C-alpha cells in the first residue's frame, strides 16, 4: 500500500508532514547557495513548505533556540572561545556618512 492509499484509508486527505531535519537541510542549502526559494531541489520538499517553515521558525524563535542549544553543547565540550576582537583601524564610514548637507559651505566664526 502506497502513502496515498494509506492516507485515504485513514480518512486523511493531506500530504504527510515533511521531516523537520529534511526541511532544515533545504533551508540551509537555500542560504548556502543563494538561490531563490523556487530553485531549491525537490528532494528537500516543496519550496513553499520550506519557505513557510522558515518564516514560522524565524517568527517563533526556533532558530534562536537551535543556536543556543548548539552553543551550549559546544561550550560544554570546550569548543567555543568566547573572546572576540575587532580592529577599529579598518572601520571607516563613507564620506557621505559624515552628516553634512550636500552643497553646504563651512562658515567660520571668529571668537
PDB file of N, CA and C in Angstrom:
ATOM      1  N   UNK A   1       0.850  -1.165   0.000  1.00  0.00           N
ATOM      2  CA  UNK A   1       0.000   0.000   0.000  1.00  0.00           C
ATOM      3  C   UNK A   1       0.905   1.241   0.000  1.00  0.00           C
ATOM      4  N   UNK A   2       0.682   2.154  -0.932  1.00  0.00           N
ATOM      5  CA  UNK A   2       1.490   3.364  -1.042  1.00  0.00           C
ATOM      6  C   UNK A   2       1.044   4.426  -0.046  1.00  0.00           C
ATOM      7  N   UNK A   3       1.794   5.522   0.062  1.00  0.00           N
ATOM      8  CA  UNK A   3       1.458   6.575   1.009  1.00  0.00           C
ATOM      9  C   UNK A   3       0.094   7.191   0.759  1.00  0.00           C
ATOM     10  N   UNK A   4      -0.258   7.392  -0.519  1.00  0.00           N
ATOM     11  CA  UNK A   4      -1.553   7.995  -0.825  1.00  0.00           C
ATOM     12  C   UNK A   4      -2.688   7.079  -0.395  1.00  0.00           C
ATOM     13  N   UNK A   5      -2.542   5.783  -0.626  1.00  0.00           N
ATOM     14  CA  UNK A   5      -3.576   4.829  -0.232  1.00  0.00           C
ATOM     15  C   UNK A   5      -3.680   4.742   1.290  1.00  0.00           C
ATOM     16  N   UNK A   6      -2.552   4.841   1.976  1.00  0.00           N
ATOM     17  CA  UNK A   6      -2.562   4.781   3.433  1.00  0.00           C
ATOM     18  C   UNK A   6      -3.303   5.972   4.021  1.00  0.00           C
ATOM     19  N   UNK A   7      -3.096   7.162   3.449  1.00  0.00           N
ATOM     20  CA  UNK A   7      -3.801   8.335   3.951  1.00  0.00           C
ATOM     21  C   UNK A   7      -5.282   8.274   3.621  1.00  0.00           C
ATOM     22  N   UNK A   8      -5.607   7.781   2.445  1.00  0.00           N
ATOM     23  CA  UNK A   8      -7.014   7.650   2.076  1.00  0.00           C
ATOM     24  C   UNK A   8      -7.707   6.639   2.994  1.00  0.00           C
ATOM     25  N   UNK A   9      -7.021   5.582   3.373  1.00  0.00           N
ATOM     26  CA  UNK A   9      -7.604   4.563   4.241  1.00  0.00           C
ATOM     27  C   UNK A   9      -7.897   5.123   5.628  1.00  0.00           C
ATOM     28  N   UNK A  10      -7.096   6.082   6.075  1.00  0.00           N
ATOM     29  CA  UNK A  10      -7.297   6.665   7.399  1.00  0.00           C
ATOM     30  C   UNK A  10      -8.149   7.927   7.347  1.00  0.00           C
ATOM     31  N   UNK A  11      -8.665   8.258   6.183  1.00  0.00           N
ATOM     32  CA  UNK A  11      -9.538   9.421   6.051  1.00  0.00           C
ATOM     33  C   UNK A  11      -8.804  10.743   6.047  1.00  0.00           C
ATOM     34  N   UNK A  12      -7.520  10.734   5.789  1.00  0.00           N
ATOM     35  CA  UNK A  12      -6.724  11.954   5.764  1.00  0.00           C
ATOM     36  C   UNK A  12      -6.447  12.317   4.305  1.00  0.00           C
ATOM     37  N   UNK A  13      -6.764  13.536   3.922  1.00  0.00           N
ATOM     38  CA  UNK A  13      -6.568  13.931   2.531  1.00  0.00           C
ATOM     39  C   UNK A  13      -5.363  14.846   2.346  1.00  0.00           C
ATOM     40  N   UNK A  14      -4.566  15.078   3.407  1.00  0.00           N
ATOM     41  CA  UNK A  14      -3.383  15.924   3.286  1.00  0.00           C
ATOM     42  C   UNK A  14      -2.141  15.072   3.098  1.00  0.00           C
ATOM     43  N   UNK A  15      -1.111  15.714   2.553  1.00  0.00           N
ATOM     44  CA  UNK A  15       0.176  15.029   2.428  1.00  0.00           C
ATOM     45  C   UNK A  15       0.793  14.892   3.811  1.00  0.00           C
ATOM     46  N   UNK A  16       1.658  13.910   3.993  1.00  0.00           N
ATOM     47  CA  UNK A  16       2.312  13.772   5.296  1.00  0.00           C
ATOM     48  C   UNK A  16       3.263  14.937   5.548  1.00  0.00           C
ATOM     49  N   UNK A  17       3.431  15.289   6.805  1.00  0.00           N
ATOM     50  CA  UNK A  17       4.324  16.379   7.180  1.00  0.00           C
ATOM     51  C   UNK A  17       5.763  15.959   6.901  1.00  0.00           C
ATOM     52  N   UNK A  18       6.504  16.855   6.253  1.00  0.00           N
ATOM     53  CA  UNK A  18       7.914  16.583   5.969  1.00  0.00           C
ATOM     54  C   UNK A  18       8.714  16.601   7.261  1.00  0.00           C
ATOM     55  N   UNK A  19       9.729  15.774   7.312  1.00  0.00           N
ATOM     56  CA  UNK A  19      10.617  15.705   8.455  1.00  0.00           C
ATOM     57  C   UNK A  19      11.302  17.057   8.652  1.00  0.00           C
ATOM     58  N   UNK A  20      11.340  17.539   9.895  1.00  0.00           N
ATOM     59  CA  UNK A  20      11.936  18.841  10.182  1.00  0.00           C
ATOM     60  C   UNK A  20      13.407  18.898   9.793  1.00  0.00           C
ATOM     61  N   UNK A  21      14.116  17.794   9.953  1.00  0.00           N
ATOM     62  CA  UNK A  21      15.532  17.778   9.585  1.00  0.00           C
ATOM     63  C   UNK A  21      15.708  17.967   8.077  1.00  0.00           C
ATOM     64  N   UNK A  22      14.844  17.346   7.290  1.00  0.00           N
ATOM     65  CA  UNK A  22      14.907  17.493   5.835  1.00  0.00           C
ATOM     66  C   UNK A  22      14.610  18.946   5.443  1.00  0.00           C
ATOM     67  N   UNK A  23      13.619  19.542   6.098  1.00  0.00           N
ATOM     68  CA  UNK A  23      13.269  20.928   5.814  1.00  0.00           C
ATOM     69  C   UNK A  23      14.425  21.854   6.204  1.00  0.00           C
ATOM     70  N   UNK A  24      15.030  21.614   7.367  1.00  0.00           N
ATOM     71  CA  UNK A  24      16.159  22.428   7.793  1.00  0.00           C
ATOM     72  C   UNK A  24      17.315  22.308   6.808  1.00  0.00           C
ATOM     73  N   UNK A  25      17.580  21.100   6.320  1.00  0.00           N
ATOM     74  CA  UNK A  25      18.627  20.917   5.310  1.00  0.00           C
ATOM     75  C   UNK A  25      18.319  21.716   4.051  1.00  0.00           C
ATOM     76  N   UNK A  26      17.056  21.741   3.643  1.00  0.00           N
ATOM     77  CA  UNK A  26      16.663  22.528   2.478  1.00  0.00           C
ATOM     78  C   UNK A  26      16.849  24.016   2.700  1.00  0.00           C
ATOM     79  N   UNK A  27      16.509  24.492   3.898  1.00  0.00           N
ATOM     80  CA  UNK A  27      16.669  25.916   4.221  1.00  0.00           C
ATOM     81  C   UNK A  27      18.154  26.285   4.221  1.00  0.00           C
ATOM     82  N   UNK A  28      18.970  25.430   4.827  1.00  0.00           N
ATOM     83  CA  UNK A  28      20.425  25.682   4.851  1.00  0.00           C
ATOM     84  C   UNK A  28      20.980  25.676   3.433  1.00  0.00           C
ATOM     85  N   UNK A  29      20.538  24.729   2.603  1.00  0.00           N
ATOM     86  CA  UNK A  29      21.001  24.659   1.216  1.00  0.00           C
ATOM     87  C   UNK A  29      20.649  25.937   0.474  1.00  0.00           C
ATOM     88  N   UNK A  30      19.443  26.433   0.693  1.00  0.00           N
ATOM     89  CA  UNK A  30      18.987  27.653   0.020  1.00  0.00           C
ATOM     90  C   UNK A  30      19.897  28.833   0.362  1.00  0.00           C
ATOM     91  N   UNK A  31      20.227  28.994   1.646  1.00  0.00           N
ATOM     92  CA  UNK A  31      21.039  30.138   2.038  1.00  0.00           C
ATOM     93  C   UNK A  31      22.519  29.941   1.714  1.00  0.00           C
ATOM     94  N   UNK A  32      22.996  28.717   1.709  1.00  0.00           N
ATOM     95  CA  UNK A  32      24.396  28.472   1.321  1.00  0.00           C
ATOM     96  C   UNK A  32      24.624  28.764  -0.147  1.00  0.00           C
ATOM     97  N   UNK A  33      23.647  28.448  -0.986  1.00  0.00           N
ATOM     98  CA  UNK A  33      23.812  28.637  -2.422  1.00  0.00           C
ATOM     99  C   UNK A  33      23.330  30.001  -2.894  1.00  0.00           C
ATOM    100  N   UNK A  34      22.416  30.622  -2.152  1.00  0.00           N
ATOM    101  CA  UNK A  34      21.909  31.939  -2.527  1.00  0.00           C
ATOM    102  C   UNK A  34      20.852  31.918  -3.614  1.00  0.00           C
ATOM    103  N   UNK A  35      20.248  30.773  -3.855  1.00  0.00           N
ATOM    104  CA  UNK A  35      19.226  30.684  -4.900  1.00  0.00           C
ATOM    105  C   UNK A  35      17.884  31.162  -4.370  1.00  0.00           C
ATOM    106  N   UNK A  36      16.953  31.352  -5.282  1.00  0.00           N
ATOM    107  CA  UNK A  36      15.590  31.709  -4.903  1.00  0.00           C
ATOM    108  C   UNK A  36      14.895  30.485  -4.314  1.00  0.00           C
ATOM    109  N   UNK A  37      13.841  30.734  -3.531  1.00  0.00           N
ATOM    110  CA  UNK A  37      13.116  29.622  -2.909  1.00  0.00           C
ATOM    111  C   UNK A  37      12.640  28.620  -3.946  1.00  0.00           C
ATOM    112  N   UNK A  38      12.166  29.089  -5.080  1.00  0.00           N
ATOM    113  CA  UNK A  38      11.626  28.189  -6.113  1.00  0.00           C
ATOM    114  C   UNK A  38      12.684  27.288  -6.741  1.00  0.00           C
ATOM    115  N   UNK A  39      13.958  27.615  -6.539  1.00  0.00           N
ATOM    116  CA  UNK A  39      15.035  26.837  -7.145  1.00  0.00           C
ATOM    117  C   UNK A  39      15.648  25.796  -6.206  1.00  0.00           C
ATOM    118  N   UNK A  40      15.093  25.655  -5.005  1.00  0.00           N
ATOM    119  CA  UNK A  40      15.589  24.632  -4.074  1.00  0.00           C
ATOM    120  C   UNK A  40      15.187  23.269  -4.629  1.00  0.00           C
ATOM    121  N   UNK A  41      16.105  22.303  -4.647  1.00  0.00           N
ATOM    122  CA  UNK A  41      15.781  20.984  -5.203  1.00  0.00           C
ATOM    123  C   UNK A  41      14.586  20.331  -4.497  1.00  0.00           C
ATOM    124  N   UNK A  42      13.807  19.616  -5.259  1.00  0.00           N
ATOM    125  CA  UNK A  42      12.596  18.970  -4.762  1.00  0.00           C
ATOM    126  C   UNK A  42      12.898  17.899  -3.712  1.00  0.00           C
ATOM    127  N   UNK A  43      14.149  17.412  -3.656  1.00  0.00           N
ATOM    128  CA  UNK A  43      14.483  16.382  -2.663  1.00  0.00           C
ATOM    129  C   UNK A  43      14.318  16.891  -1.238  1.00  0.00           C
ATOM    130  N   UNK A  44      14.314  18.223  -1.054  1.00  0.00           N
ATOM    131  CA  UNK A  44      14.109  18.806   0.266  1.00  0.00           C
ATOM    132  C   UNK A  44      12.633  19.073   0.549  1.00  0.00           C
ATOM    133  N   UNK A  45      11.794  18.851  -0.432  1.00  0.00           N
ATOM    134  CA  UNK A  45      10.368  19.120  -0.277  1.00  0.00           C
ATOM    135  C   UNK A  45       9.957  20.307  -1.122  1.00  0.00           C
ATOM    136  N   UNK A  46       8.715  20.633  -1.047  1.00  0.00           N
ATOM    137  CA  UNK A  46       8.177  21.760  -1.810  1.00  0.00           C
ATOM    138  C   UNK A  46       8.822  23.061  -1.343  1.00  0.00           C
ATOM    139  N   UNK A  47       9.152  23.929  -2.287  1.00  0.00           N
ATOM    140  CA  UNK A  47       9.756  25.208  -1.928  1.00  0.00           C
ATOM    141  C   UNK A  47       8.821  26.012  -1.040  1.00  0.00           C
ATOM    142  N   UNK A  48       7.508  25.882  -1.267  1.00  0.00           N
ATOM    143  CA  UNK A  48       6.537  26.620  -0.460  1.00  0.00           C
ATOM    144  C   UNK A  48       6.554  26.126   0.984  1.00  0.00           C
ATOM    145  N   UNK A  49       6.719  24.826   1.175  1.00  0.00           N
ATOM    146  CA  UNK A  49       6.812  24.268   2.526  1.00  0.00           C
ATOM    147  C   UNK A  49       8.057  24.785   3.220  1.00  0.00           C
ATOM    148  N   UNK A  50       9.177  24.791   2.502  1.00  0.00           N
ATOM    149  CA  UNK A  50      10.424  25.285   3.082  1.00  0.00           C
ATOM    150  C   UNK A  50      10.282  26.751   3.489  1.00  0.00           C
ATOM    151  N   UNK A  51       9.711  27.543   2.616  1.00  0.00           N
ATOM    152  CA  UNK A  51       9.551  28.971   2.898  1.00  0.00           C
ATOM    153  C   UNK A  51       8.615  29.197   4.079  1.00  0.00           C
ATOM    154  N   UNK A  52       7.521  28.447   4.115  1.00  0.00           N
ATOM    155  CA  UNK A  52       6.549  28.595   5.203  1.00  0.00           C
ATOM    156  C   UNK A  52       7.181  28.230   6.542  1.00  0.00           C
ATOM    157  N   UNK A  53       7.891  27.109   6.578  1.00  0.00           N
ATOM    158  CA  UNK A  53       8.533  26.703   7.840  1.00  0.00           C
ATOM    159  C   UNK A  53       9.628  27.685   8.239  1.00  0.00           C
ATOM    160  N   UNK A  54      10.389  28.191   7.254  1.00  0.00           N
ATOM    161  CA  UNK A  54      11.426  29.171   7.564  1.00  0.00           C
ATOM    162  C   UNK A  54      10.811  30.398   8.228  1.00  0.00           C
ATOM    163  N   UNK A  55       9.752  30.909   7.655  1.00  0.00           N
ATOM    164  CA  UNK A  55       9.097  32.104   8.216  1.00  0.00           C
ATOM    165  C   UNK A  55       8.517  31.809   9.593  1.00  0.00           C
ATOM    166  N   UNK A  56       7.892  30.654   9.752  1.00  0.00           N
ATOM    167  CA  UNK A  56       7.298  30.279  11.035  1.00  0.00           C
ATOM    168  C   UNK A  56       8.375  30.127  12.107  1.00  0.00           C
ATOM    169  N   UNK A  57       9.469  29.423  11.754  1.00  0.00           N
ATOM    170  CA  UNK A  57      10.537  29.201  12.722  1.00  0.00           C
ATOM    171  C   UNK A  57      11.257  30.498  13.070  1.00  0.00           C
ATOM    172  N   UNK A  58      11.394  31.388  12.106  1.00  0.00           N
ATOM    173  CA  UNK A  58      12.038  32.673  12.379  1.00  0.00           C
ATOM    174  C   UNK A  58      11.173  33.510  13.314  1.00  0.00           C
ATOM    175  N   UNK A  59       9.873  33.456  13.111  1.00  0.00           N
ATOM    176  CA  UNK A  59       8.950  34.262  13.915  1.00  0.00           C
ATOM    177  C   UNK A  59       8.814  33.734  15.339  1.00  0.00           C
ATOM    178  N   UNK A  60       8.767  32.413  15.506  1.00  0.00           N
ATOM    179  CA  UNK A  60       8.523  31.861  16.849  1.00  0.00           C
ATOM    180  C   UNK A  60       9.793  31.587  17.650  1.00  0.00           C
ATOM    181  N   UNK A  61      10.970  31.923  17.102  1.00  0.00           N
ATOM    182  CA  UNK A  61      12.209  31.800  17.855  1.00  0.00           C
ATOM    183  C   UNK A  61      12.870  30.433  17.782  1.00  0.00           C
ATOM    184  N   UNK A  62      12.439  29.585  16.868  1.00  0.00           N
ATOM    185  CA  UNK A  62      13.024  28.250  16.755  1.00  0.00           C
ATOM    186  C   UNK A  62      14.507  28.322  16.410  1.00  0.00           C
ATOM    187  N   UNK A  63      14.885  29.207  15.491  1.00  0.00           N
ATOM    188  CA  UNK A  63      16.288  29.312  15.099  1.00  0.00           C
ATOM    189  C   UNK A  63      17.154  29.786  16.266  1.00  0.00           C
ATOM    190  N   UNK A  64      16.643  30.711  17.077  1.00  0.00           N
ATOM    191  CA  UNK A  64      17.396  31.175  18.237  1.00  0.00           C
ATOM    192  C   UNK A  64      17.606  30.037  19.236  1.00  0.00           C
ATOM    193  N   UNK A  65      16.565  29.229  19.450  1.00  0.00           N
ATOM    194  CA  UNK A  65      16.693  28.095  20.375  1.00  0.00           C
ATOM    195  C   UNK A  65      17.679  27.058  19.849  1.00  0.00           C
ATOM    196  N   UNK A  66      17.671  26.810  18.537  1.00  0.00           N
ATOM    197  CA  UNK A  66      18.633  25.867  17.961  1.00  0.00           C
ATOM    198  C   UNK A  66      20.056  26.387  18.136  1.00  0.00           C
ATOM    199  N   UNK A  67      20.273  27.680  17.888  1.00  0.00           N
ATOM    200  CA  UNK A  67      21.599  28.269  18.045  1.00  0.00           C
ATOM    201  C   UNK A  67      22.054  28.189  19.496  1.00  0.00           C
ATOM    202  N   UNK A  68      21.171  28.519  20.437  1.00  0.00           N
ATOM    203  CA  UNK A  68      21.530  28.464  21.854  1.00  0.00           C
ATOM    204  C   UNK A  68      21.876  27.041  22.282  1.00  0.00           C
ATOM    205  N   UNK A  69      21.117  26.062  21.793  1.00  0.00           N
ATOM    206  CA  UNK A  69      21.401  24.663  22.141  1.00  0.00           C
ATOM    207  C   UNK A  69      22.746  24.223  21.565  1.00  0.00           C
ATOM    208  N   UNK A  70      23.026  24.600  20.325  1.00  0.00           N
ATOM    209  CA  UNK A  70      24.302  24.233  19.706  1.00  0.00           C
ATOM    210  C   UNK A  70      25.461  24.913  20.417  1.00  0.00           C
ATOM    211  N   UNK A  71      25.287  26.185  20.790  1.00  0.00           N
ATOM    212  CA  UNK A  71      26.337  26.899  21.507  1.00  0.00           C
ATOM    213  C   UNK A  71      26.578  26.292  22.888  1.00  0.00           C
ATOM    214  N   UNK A  72      25.505  25.924  23.585  1.00  0.00           N
ATOM    215  CA  UNK A  72      25.645  25.332  24.917  1.00  0.00           C
ATOM    216  C   UNK A  72      26.381  24.000  24.839  1.00  0.00           C
ATOM    217  N   UNK A  73      26.048  23.199  23.834  1.00  0.00           N
ATOM    218  CA  UNK A  73      26.712  21.906  23.667  1.00  0.00           C
ATOM    219  C   UNK A  73      28.200  22.102  23.358  1.00  0.00           C
ATOM    220  N   UNK A  74      28.507  23.036  22.450  1.00  0.00           N
ATOM    221  CA  UNK A  74      29.900  23.294  22.087  1.00  0.00           C
ATOM    222  C   UNK A  74      30.669  23.920  23.250  1.00  0.00           C
ATOM    223  N   UNK A  75      30.002  24.773  24.021  1.00  0.00           N
ATOM    224  CA  UNK A  75      30.651  25.404  25.167  1.00  0.00           C
ATOM    225  C   UNK A  75      30.968  24.374  26.239  1.00  0.00           C
ATOM    226  N   UNK A  76      30.056  23.442  26.464  1.00  0.00           N
ATOM    227  CA  UNK A  76      30.290  22.371  27.433  1.00  0.00           C
ATOM    228  C   UNK A  76      31.472  21.511  27.020  1.00  0.00           C
ATOM    229  N   UNK A  77      31.603  21.276  25.726  1.00  0.00           N
ATOM    230  CA  UNK A  77      32.710  20.471  25.219  1.00  0.00           C
ATOM    231  C   UNK A  77      34.010  21.266  25.122  1.00  0.00           C
ATOM    232  N   UNK A  78      33.941  22.579  25.369  1.00  0.00           N
ATOM    233  CA  UNK A  78      35.134  23.419  25.295  1.00  0.00           C
ATOM    234  C   UNK A  78      35.531  23.786  23.884  1.00  0.00           C
ATOM    235  N   UNK A  79      34.596  23.725  22.954  1.00  0.00           N
ATOM    236  CA  UNK A  79      34.900  24.002  21.552  1.00  0.00           C
ATOM    237  C   UNK A  79      34.717  25.463  21.156  1.00  0.00           C
ATOM    238  N   UNK A  80      34.249  26.307  22.085  1.00  0.00           N
ATOM    239  CA  UNK A  80      33.998  27.712  21.753  1.00  0.00           C
ATOM    240  C   UNK A  80      34.936  28.597  22.563  1.00  0.00           C
ATOM    241  N   UNK A  81      35.574  29.535  21.865  1.00  0.00           N
ATOM    242  CA  UNK A  81      36.371  30.563  22.508  1.00  0.00           C
ATOM    243  C   UNK A  81      35.558  31.845  22.400  1.00  0.00           C
ATOM    244  N   UNK A  82      35.061  32.350  23.509  1.00  0.00           N
ATOM    245  CA  UNK A  82      34.118  33.473  23.501  1.00  0.00           C
ATOM    246  C   UNK A  82      34.802  34.831  23.375  1.00  0.00           C
ATOM    247  N   UNK A  83      36.096  34.876  23.140  1.00  0.00           N
ATOM    248  CA  UNK A  83      36.802  36.134  23.002  1.00  0.00           C
ATOM    249  C   UNK A  83      36.661  36.617  21.559  1.00  0.00           C
ATOM    250  N   UNK A  84      36.251  37.869  21.401  1.00  0.00           N
ATOM    251  CA  UNK A  84      36.127  38.457  20.070  1.00  0.00           C
ATOM    252  C   UNK A  84      36.980  39.725  20.028  1.00  0.00           C
ATOM    253  N   UNK A  85      37.583  39.977  18.906  1.00  0.00           N
ATOM    254  CA  UNK A  85      38.437  41.143  18.761  1.00  0.00           C
ATOM    255  C   UNK A  85      38.054  41.874  17.473  1.00  0.00           C
ATOM    256  N   UNK A  86      37.884  43.177  17.599  1.00  0.00           N
ATOM    257  CA  UNK A  86      37.554  44.000  16.441  1.00  0.00           C
ATOM    258  C   UNK A  86      38.655  45.046  16.304  1.00  0.00           C
ATOM    259  N   UNK A  87      39.212  45.158  15.127  1.00  0.00           N
ATOM    260  CA  UNK A  87      40.265  46.131  14.872  1.00  0.00           C
ATOM    261  C   UNK A  87      39.624  47.419  14.356  1.00  0.00           C
ATOM    262  N   UNK A  88      39.575  48.474  15.175  1.00  0.00           N
ATOM    263  CA  UNK A  88      38.889  49.705  14.767  1.00  0.00           C
ATOM    264  C   UNK A  88      39.625  50.489  13.688  1.00  0.00           C
ATOM    265  N   UNK A  89      40.866  50.136  13.387  1.00  0.00           N
ATOM    266  CA  UNK A  89      41.603  50.888  12.380  1.00  0.00           C
ATOM    267  C   UNK A  89      41.084  50.627  10.975  1.00  0.00           C
ATOM    268  N   UNK A  90      40.320  49.570  10.791  1.00  0.00           N
ATOM    269  CA  UNK A  90      39.818  49.283   9.459  1.00  0.00           C
ATOM    270  C   UNK A  90      38.341  49.648   9.287  1.00  0.00           C
ATOM    271  N   UNK A  91      37.721  50.178  10.326  1.00  0.00           N
ATOM    272  CA  UNK A  91      36.319  50.545  10.251  1.00  0.00           C
ATOM    273  C   UNK A  91      36.243  52.008   9.845  1.00  0.00           C
ATOM    274  N   UNK A  92      35.745  52.249   8.642  1.00  0.00           N
ATOM    275  CA  UNK A  92      35.659  53.609   8.142  1.00  0.00           C
ATOM    276  C   UNK A  92      34.255  53.870   7.610  1.00  0.00           C
ATOM    277  N   UNK A  93      33.768  55.055   7.859  1.00  0.00           N
ATOM    278  CA  UNK A  93      32.479  55.450   7.317  1.00  0.00           C
ATOM    279  C   UNK A  93      32.700  56.057   5.936  1.00  0.00           C
ATOM    280  N   UNK A  94      31.692  55.936   5.107  1.00  0.00           N
ATOM    281  CA  UNK A  94      31.750  56.551   3.796  1.00  0.00           C
ATOM    282  C   UNK A  94      31.764  58.062   3.969  1.00  0.00           C
ATOM    283  N   UNK A  95      32.361  58.773   3.054  1.00  0.00           N
ATOM    284  CA  UNK A  95      32.465  60.224   3.213  1.00  0.00           C
ATOM    285  C   UNK A  95      31.105  60.913   3.278  1.00  0.00           C
ATOM    286  N   UNK A  96      30.090  60.299   2.686  1.00  0.00           N
ATOM    287  CA  UNK A  96      28.757  60.886   2.749  1.00  0.00           C
ATOM    288  C   UNK A  96      28.065  60.607   4.075  1.00  0.00           C
ATOM    289  N   UNK A  97      28.666  59.779   4.907  1.00  0.00           N
ATOM    290  CA  UNK A  97      28.065  59.420   6.177  1.00  0.00           C
ATOM    291  C   UNK A  97      28.377  60.422   7.286  1.00  0.00           C
ATOM    292  N   UNK A  98      29.121  61.461   6.965  1.00  0.00           N
ATOM    293  CA  UNK A  98      29.519  62.431   7.981  1.00  0.00           C
ATOM    294  C   UNK A  98      28.363  63.313   8.432  1.00  0.00           C
ATOM    295  N   UNK A  99      27.301  63.391   7.666  1.00  0.00           N
ATOM    296  CA  UNK A  99      26.120  64.143   8.082  1.00  0.00           C
ATOM    297  C   UNK A  99      26.003  65.530   7.494  1.00  0.00           C
ATOM    298  N   UNK A 100      26.978  65.997   6.725  1.00  0.00           N
ATOM    299  CA  UNK A 100      26.907  67.318   6.132  1.00  0.00           C
ATOM    300  C   UNK A 100      25.909  67.322   4.981  1.00  0.00           C
ATOM    301  N   UNK A 101      25.243  68.444   4.820  1.00  0.00           N
ATOM    302  CA  UNK A 101      24.301  68.570   3.717  1.00  0.00           C
ATOM    303  C   UNK A 101      25.059  68.789   2.420  1.00  0.00           C
ATOM    304  N   UNK A 102      24.459  68.319   1.347  1.00  0.00           N
ATOM    305  CA  UNK A 102      25.085  68.467   0.047  1.00  0.00           C
ATOM    306  C   UNK A 102      25.149  69.946  -0.330  1.00  0.00           C
ATOM    307  N   UNK A 103      26.323  70.397  -0.721  1.00  0.00           N
ATOM    308  CA  UNK A 103      26.480  71.783  -1.165  1.00  0.00           C
ATOM    309  C   UNK A 103      26.603  72.784  -0.037  1.00  0.00           C
ATOM    310  N   UNK A 104      26.602  72.339   1.204  1.00  0.00           N
ATOM    311  CA  UNK A 104      26.707  73.265   2.326  1.00  0.00           C
ATOM    312  C   UNK A 104      28.130  73.801   2.408  1.00  0.00           C
ATOM    313  N   UNK A 105      28.231  75.071   2.729  1.00  0.00           N
ATOM    314  CA  UNK A 105      29.566  75.653   2.878  1.00  0.00           C
ATOM    315  C   UNK A 105      29.890  75.724   4.365  1.00  0.00           C
ATOM    316  N   UNK A 106      31.166  75.735   4.644  1.00  0.00           N
ATOM    317  CA  UNK A 106      31.608  75.808   6.040  1.00  0.00           C
ATOM    318  C   UNK A 106      31.794  77.258   6.397  1.00  0.00           C
ATOM    319  N   UNK A 107      31.132  77.679   7.464  1.00  0.00           N
ATOM    320  CA  UNK A 107      31.273  79.061   7.918  1.00  0.00           C
ATOM    321  C   UNK A 107      32.107  79.074   9.167  1.00  0.00           C
ATOM    322  N   UNK A 108      33.127  79.928   9.154  1.00  0.00           N
ATOM    323  CA  UNK A 108      33.978  80.071  10.318  1.00  0.00           C
ATOM    324  C   UNK A 108      33.542  81.300  11.089  1.00  0.00           C
ATOM    325  N   UNK A 109      33.397  81.136  12.373  1.00  0.00           N
ATOM    326  CA  UNK A 109      33.013  82.257  13.231  1.00  0.00           C
ATOM    327  C   UNK A 109      34.205  82.641  14.080  1.00  0.00           C
ATOM    328  N   UNK A 110      34.554  83.949  14.038  1.00  0.00           N
ATOM    329  CA  UNK A 110      35.663  84.422  14.848  1.00  0.00           C
ATOM    330  C   UNK A 110      35.200  84.589  16.293  1.00  0.00           C
ATOM    331  N   UNK A 111      36.022  84.163  17.247  1.00  0.00           N
ATOM    332  CA  UNK A 111      35.619  84.327  18.635  1.00  0.00           C
ATOM    333  C   UNK A 111      35.694  85.751  19.112  1.00  0.00           C
TER     334      UNK A 111
END
